[in-house]
Amino acid sequence: ATGKSKVYNMADFGLKANSGENASP
């Protein structure tokens, strides 16, 4: 009623668990 409940999955932004890639940028 007063806004939205939003759930963001960080995988959708390219952050991959256990990849060893730099997550900072």
PDB file of all heavy atoms in Angstrom:
ATOM      1  N   ALA A   1       0.824  -1.210   0.000  1.00  0.00           N
ATOM      2  CA  ALA A   1       0.000   0.000   0.000  1.00  0.00           C
ATOM      3  C   ALA A   1       0.856   1.257   0.000  1.00  0.00           C
ATOM      4  O   ALA A   1       0.506   2.269  -0.603  1.00  0.00           O
ATOM      5  CB  ALA A   1      -0.939  -0.017   1.201  1.00  0.00           C
ATOM      6  N   THR A   2       1.982   1.212   0.695  1.00  0.00           N
ATOM      7  CA  THR A   2       2.810   2.417   0.824  1.00  0.00           C
ATOM      8  C   THR A   2       4.102   2.324   0.022  1.00  0.00           C
ATOM      9  O   THR A   2       5.034   3.055   0.267  1.00  0.00           O
ATOM     10  CB  THR A   2       3.136   2.656   2.308  1.00  0.00           C
ATOM     11  OG1 THR A   2       3.791   1.486   2.822  1.00  0.00           O
ATOM     12  CG2 THR A   2       1.874   2.918   3.108  1.00  0.00           C
ATOM     13  N   GLY A   3       4.185   1.435  -0.900  1.00  0.00           N
ATOM     14  CA  GLY A   3       5.395   1.291  -1.693  1.00  0.00           C
ATOM     15  C   GLY A   3       5.503  -0.120  -2.202  1.00  0.00           C
ATOM     16  O   GLY A   3       4.529  -0.878  -2.241  1.00  0.00           O
ATOM     17  N   LYS A   4       6.696  -0.524  -2.608  1.00  0.00           N
ATOM     18  CA  LYS A   4       6.919  -1.855  -3.156  1.00  0.00           C
ATOM     19  C   LYS A   4       7.933  -2.607  -2.308  1.00  0.00           C
ATOM     20  O   LYS A   4       8.859  -2.012  -1.757  1.00  0.00           O
ATOM     21  CB  LYS A   4       7.436  -1.746  -4.584  1.00  0.00           C
ATOM     22  CG  LYS A   4       6.478  -1.089  -5.565  1.00  0.00           C
ATOM     23  CD  LYS A   4       7.117  -0.973  -6.936  1.00  0.00           C
ATOM     24  CE  LYS A   4       6.178  -0.268  -7.919  1.00  0.00           C
ATOM     25  NZ  LYS A   4       6.805  -0.112  -9.251  1.00  0.00           N
ATOM     26  N   SER A   5       7.744  -3.914  -2.234  1.00  0.00           N
ATOM     27  CA  SER A   5       8.743  -4.794  -1.664  1.00  0.00           C
ATOM     28  C   SER A   5       9.534  -5.365  -2.825  1.00  0.00           C
ATOM     29  O   SER A   5       9.001  -6.113  -3.648  1.00  0.00           O
ATOM     30  CB  SER A   5       8.079  -5.911  -0.862  1.00  0.00           C
ATOM     31  OG  SER A   5       9.061  -6.766  -0.331  1.00  0.00           O
ATOM     32  N   LYS A   6      10.801  -4.984  -2.896  1.00  0.00           N
ATOM     33  CA  LYS A   6      11.630  -5.363  -4.031  1.00  0.00           C
ATOM     34  C   LYS A   6      12.755  -6.279  -3.579  1.00  0.00           C
ATOM     35  O   LYS A   6      13.458  -5.971  -2.613  1.00  0.00           O
ATOM     36  CB  LYS A   6      12.218  -4.117  -4.697  1.00  0.00           C
ATOM     37  CG  LYS A   6      11.179  -3.133  -5.228  1.00  0.00           C
ATOM     38  CD  LYS A   6      11.863  -1.920  -5.853  1.00  0.00           C
ATOM     39  CE  LYS A   6      10.835  -0.941  -6.419  1.00  0.00           C
ATOM     40  NZ  LYS A   6      11.486   0.248  -7.024  1.00  0.00           N
ATOM     41  N   VAL A   7      12.919  -7.385  -4.277  1.00  0.00           N
ATOM     42  CA  VAL A   7      13.983  -8.328  -3.994  1.00  0.00           C
ATOM     43  C   VAL A   7      14.902  -8.374  -5.205  1.00  0.00           C
ATOM     44  O   VAL A   7      14.469  -8.706  -6.316  1.00  0.00           O
ATOM     45  CB  VAL A   7      13.433  -9.730  -3.685  1.00  0.00           C
ATOM     46  CG1 VAL A   7      14.578 -10.694  -3.425  1.00  0.00           C
ATOM     47  CG2 VAL A   7      12.495  -9.679  -2.480  1.00  0.00           C
ATOM     48  N   TYR A   8      16.166  -8.025  -4.996  1.00  0.00           N
ATOM     49  CA  TYR A   8      17.151  -8.023  -6.067  1.00  0.00           C
ATOM     50  C   TYR A   8      18.123  -9.176  -5.850  1.00  0.00           C
ATOM     51  O   TYR A   8      18.737  -9.301  -4.783  1.00  0.00           O
ATOM     52  CB  TYR A   8      17.934  -6.709  -6.091  1.00  0.00           C
ATOM     53  CG  TYR A   8      17.141  -5.501  -6.504  1.00  0.00           C
ATOM     54  CD1 TYR A   8      16.469  -4.731  -5.555  1.00  0.00           C
ATOM     55  CD2 TYR A   8      17.071  -5.117  -7.838  1.00  0.00           C
ATOM     56  CE1 TYR A   8      15.748  -3.605  -5.929  1.00  0.00           C
ATOM     57  CE2 TYR A   8      16.359  -3.997  -8.225  1.00  0.00           C
ATOM     58  CZ  TYR A   8      15.692  -3.238  -7.266  1.00  0.00           C
ATOM     59  OH  TYR A   8      14.991  -2.127  -7.631  1.00  0.00           O
ATOM     60  N   ASN A   9      18.277 -10.007  -6.859  1.00  0.00           N
ATOM     61  CA  ASN A   9      19.254 -11.079  -6.833  1.00  0.00           C
ATOM     62  C   ASN A   9      20.544 -10.565  -7.470  1.00  0.00           C
ATOM     63  O   ASN A   9      20.558 -10.150  -8.630  1.00  0.00           O
ATOM     64  CB  ASN A   9      18.726 -12.290  -7.608  1.00  0.00           C
ATOM     65  CG  ASN A   9      19.603 -13.516  -7.443  1.00  0.00           C
ATOM     66  OD1 ASN A   9      20.825 -13.421  -7.369  1.00  0.00           O
ATOM     67  ND2 ASN A   9      18.971 -14.686  -7.403  1.00  0.00           N
ATOM     68  N   MET A  10      21.626 -10.580  -6.698  1.00  0.00           N
ATOM     69  CA  MET A  10      22.879 -10.012  -7.188  1.00  0.00           C
ATOM     70  C   MET A  10      23.421 -10.771  -8.401  1.00  0.00           C
ATOM     71  O   MET A  10      24.199 -10.225  -9.195  1.00  0.00           O
ATOM     72  CB  MET A  10      23.921  -9.990  -6.072  1.00  0.00           C
ATOM     73  CG  MET A  10      23.599  -9.021  -4.949  1.00  0.00           C
ATOM     74  SD  MET A  10      23.572  -7.281  -5.492  1.00  0.00           S
ATOM     75  CE  MET A  10      21.818  -7.004  -5.705  1.00  0.00           C
ATOM     76  N   ALA A  11      22.990 -12.009  -8.588  1.00  0.00           N
ATOM     77  CA  ALA A  11      23.413 -12.749  -9.785  1.00  0.00           C
ATOM     78  C   ALA A  11      22.908 -12.092 -11.056  1.00  0.00           C
ATOM     79  O   ALA A  11      23.540 -12.195 -12.121  1.00  0.00           O
ATOM     80  CB  ALA A  11      22.922 -14.191  -9.701  1.00  0.00           C
ATOM     81  N   ASP A  12      21.769 -11.380 -10.956  1.00  0.00           N
ATOM     82  CA  ASP A  12      21.229 -10.695 -12.127  1.00  0.00           C
ATOM     83  C   ASP A  12      22.098  -9.515 -12.559  1.00  0.00           C
ATOM     84  O   ASP A  12      21.924  -8.989 -13.668  1.00  0.00           O
ATOM     85  CB  ASP A  12      19.810 -10.204 -11.828  1.00  0.00           C
ATOM     86  CG  ASP A  12      18.833 -11.354 -11.620  1.00  0.00           C
ATOM     87  OD1 ASP A  12      19.121 -12.464 -12.098  1.00  0.00           O
ATOM     88  OD2 ASP A  12      17.786 -11.133 -10.967  1.00  0.00           O
ATOM     89  N   PHE A  13      23.015  -9.091 -11.684  1.00  0.00           N
ATOM     90  CA  PHE A  13      23.911  -7.980 -12.005  1.00  0.00           C
ATOM     91  C   PHE A  13      25.306  -8.484 -12.363  1.00  0.00           C
ATOM     92  O   PHE A  13      26.243  -7.703 -12.446  1.00  0.00           O
ATOM     93  CB  PHE A  13      23.982  -7.009 -10.827  1.00  0.00           C
ATOM     94  CG  PHE A  13      22.685  -6.316 -10.527  1.00  0.00           C
ATOM     95  CD1 PHE A  13      21.760  -6.893  -9.667  1.00  0.00           C
ATOM     96  CD2 PHE A  13      22.369  -5.104 -11.128  1.00  0.00           C
ATOM     97  CE1 PHE A  13      20.559  -6.259  -9.389  1.00  0.00           C
ATOM     98  CE2 PHE A  13      21.164  -4.471 -10.865  1.00  0.00           C
ATOM     99  CZ  PHE A  13      20.250  -5.047  -9.995  1.00  0.00           C
ATOM    100  N   GLY A  14      25.434  -9.790 -12.553  1.00  0.00           N
ATOM    101  CA  GLY A  14      26.701 -10.353 -12.989  1.00  0.00           C
ATOM    102  C   GLY A  14      27.597 -10.856 -11.879  1.00  0.00           C
ATOM    103  O   GLY A  14      28.697 -11.363 -12.148  1.00  0.00           O
ATOM    104  N   LEU A  15      27.155 -10.740 -10.603  1.00  0.00           N
ATOM    105  CA  LEU A  15      27.966 -11.248  -9.499  1.00  0.00           C
ATOM    106  C   LEU A  15      27.766 -12.755  -9.396  1.00  0.00           C
ATOM    107  O   LEU A  15      26.668 -13.227  -9.112  1.00  0.00           O
ATOM    108  CB  LEU A  15      27.589 -10.580  -8.181  1.00  0.00           C
ATOM    109  CG  LEU A  15      28.186  -9.191  -7.946  1.00  0.00           C
ATOM    110  CD1 LEU A  15      27.335  -8.123  -8.622  1.00  0.00           C
ATOM    111  CD2 LEU A  15      28.304  -8.894  -6.466  1.00  0.00           C
ATOM    112  N   LYS A  16      28.834 -13.493  -9.627  1.00  0.00           N
ATOM    113  CA  LYS A  16      28.756 -14.944  -9.633  1.00  0.00           C
ATOM    114  C   LYS A  16      29.511 -15.504  -8.440  1.00  0.00           C
ATOM    115  O   LYS A  16      30.706 -15.241  -8.266  1.00  0.00           O
ATOM    116  CB  LYS A  16      29.345 -15.482 -10.937  1.00  0.00           C
ATOM    117  CG  LYS A  16      28.617 -15.025 -12.188  1.00  0.00           C
ATOM    118  CD  LYS A  16      29.298 -15.546 -13.442  1.00  0.00           C
ATOM    119  CE  LYS A  16      28.600 -15.051 -14.706  1.00  0.00           C
ATOM    120  NZ  LYS A  16      29.285 -15.534 -15.940  1.00  0.00           N
ATOM    121  N   ALA A  17      28.802 -16.266  -7.633  1.00  0.00           N
ATOM    122  CA  ALA A  17      29.443 -16.898  -6.489  1.00  0.00           C
ATOM    123  C   ALA A  17      30.499 -17.889  -6.951  1.00  0.00           C
ATOM    124  O   ALA A  17      30.344 -18.566  -7.971  1.00  0.00           O
ATOM    125  CB  ALA A  17      28.398 -17.602  -5.635  1.00  0.00           C
ATOM    126  N   ASN A  18      31.624 -17.919  -6.190  1.00  0.00           N
ATOM    127  CA  ASN A  18      32.689 -18.902  -6.401  1.00  0.00           C
ATOM    128  C   ASN A  18      33.395 -18.765  -7.749  1.00  0.00           C
ATOM    129  O   ASN A  18      34.070 -19.687  -8.195  1.00  0.00           O
ATOM    130  CB  ASN A  18      32.139 -20.332  -6.267  1.00  0.00           C
ATOM    131  CG  ASN A  18      31.401 -20.544  -4.959  1.00  0.00           C
ATOM    132  OD1 ASN A  18      31.882 -20.157  -3.899  1.00  0.00           O
ATOM    133  ND2 ASN A  18      30.217 -21.130  -5.031  1.00  0.00           N
ATOM    134  N   SER A  19      33.260 -17.607  -8.376  1.00  0.00           N
ATOM    135  CA  SER A  19      33.888 -17.416  -9.688  1.00  0.00           C
ATOM    136  C   SER A  19      35.326 -16.947  -9.585  1.00  0.00           C
ATOM    137  O   SER A  19      36.104 -17.085 -10.533  1.00  0.00           O
ATOM    138  CB  SER A  19      33.089 -16.400 -10.509  1.00  0.00           C
ATOM    139  OG  SER A  19      33.197 -15.101  -9.926  1.00  0.00           O
ATOM    140  N   GLY A  20      35.688 -16.345  -8.439  1.00  0.00           N
ATOM    141  CA  GLY A  20      37.010 -15.750  -8.293  1.00  0.00           C
ATOM    142  C   GLY A  20      37.152 -14.411  -8.977  1.00  0.00           C
ATOM    143  O   GLY A  20      38.202 -13.772  -8.893  1.00  0.00           O
ATOM    144  N   GLU A  21      36.099 -13.948  -9.651  1.00  0.00           N
ATOM    145  CA  GLU A  21      36.141 -12.655 -10.332  1.00  0.00           C
ATOM    146  C   GLU A  21      36.019 -11.513  -9.332  1.00  0.00           C
ATOM    147  O   GLU A  21      35.470 -11.670  -8.239  1.00  0.00           O
ATOM    148  CB  GLU A  21      35.015 -12.581 -11.361  1.00  0.00           C
ATOM    149  CG  GLU A  21      35.111 -13.626 -12.464  1.00  0.00           C
ATOM    150  CD  GLU A  21      33.913 -13.589 -13.403  1.00  0.00           C
ATOM    151  OE1 GLU A  21      33.015 -12.744 -13.176  1.00  0.00           O
ATOM    152  OE2 GLU A  21      33.869 -14.401 -14.340  1.00  0.00           O
ATOM    153  N   ASN A  22      36.502 -10.357  -9.724  1.00  0.00           N
ATOM    154  CA  ASN A  22      36.433  -9.171  -8.874  1.00  0.00           C
ATOM    155  C   ASN A  22      34.995  -8.655  -8.828  1.00  0.00           C
ATOM    156  O   ASN A  22      34.464  -8.179  -9.839  1.00  0.00           O
ATOM    157  CB  ASN A  22      37.375  -8.092  -9.415  1.00  0.00           C
ATOM    158  CG  ASN A  22      37.367  -6.834  -8.543  1.00  0.00           C
ATOM    159  OD1 ASN A  22      36.847  -6.827  -7.429  1.00  0.00           O
ATOM    160  ND2 ASN A  22      37.960  -5.772  -9.054  1.00  0.00           N
ATOM    161  N   ALA A  23      34.366  -8.729  -7.646  1.00  0.00           N
ATOM    162  CA  ALA A  23      32.975  -8.301  -7.497  1.00  0.00           C
ATOM    163  C   ALA A  23      32.841  -6.798  -7.292  1.00  0.00           C
ATOM    164  O   ALA A  23      31.724  -6.269  -7.393  1.00  0.00           O
ATOM    165  CB  ALA A  23      32.329  -9.042  -6.326  1.00  0.00           C
ATOM    166  N   SER A  24      33.932  -6.095  -7.011  1.00  0.00           N
ATOM    167  CA  SER A  24      33.834  -4.676  -6.642  1.00  0.00           C
ATOM    168  C   SER A  24      33.144  -3.814  -7.692  1.00  0.00           C
ATOM    169  O   SER A  24      32.162  -3.124  -7.389  1.00  0.00           O
ATOM    170  CB  SER A  24      35.224  -4.118  -6.332  1.00  0.00           C
ATOM    171  OG  SER A  24      35.771  -4.725  -5.194  1.00  0.00           O
ATOM    172  N   PRO A  25      33.603  -3.796  -8.952  1.00  0.00           N
ATOM    173  CA  PRO A  25      32.944  -2.899  -9.919  1.00  0.00           C
ATOM    174  C   PRO A  25      31.509  -3.306 -10.219  1.00  0.00           C
ATOM    175  O   PRO A  25      30.654  -2.450 -10.449  1.00  0.00           O
ATOM    176  CB  PRO A  25      33.832  -3.010 -11.162  1.00  0.00           C
ATOM    177  CG  PRO A  25      34.554  -4.303 -11.021  1.00  0.00           C
ATOM    178  CD  PRO A  25      34.756  -4.500  -9.554  1.00  0.00           C
TER     179      PRO A  25
END
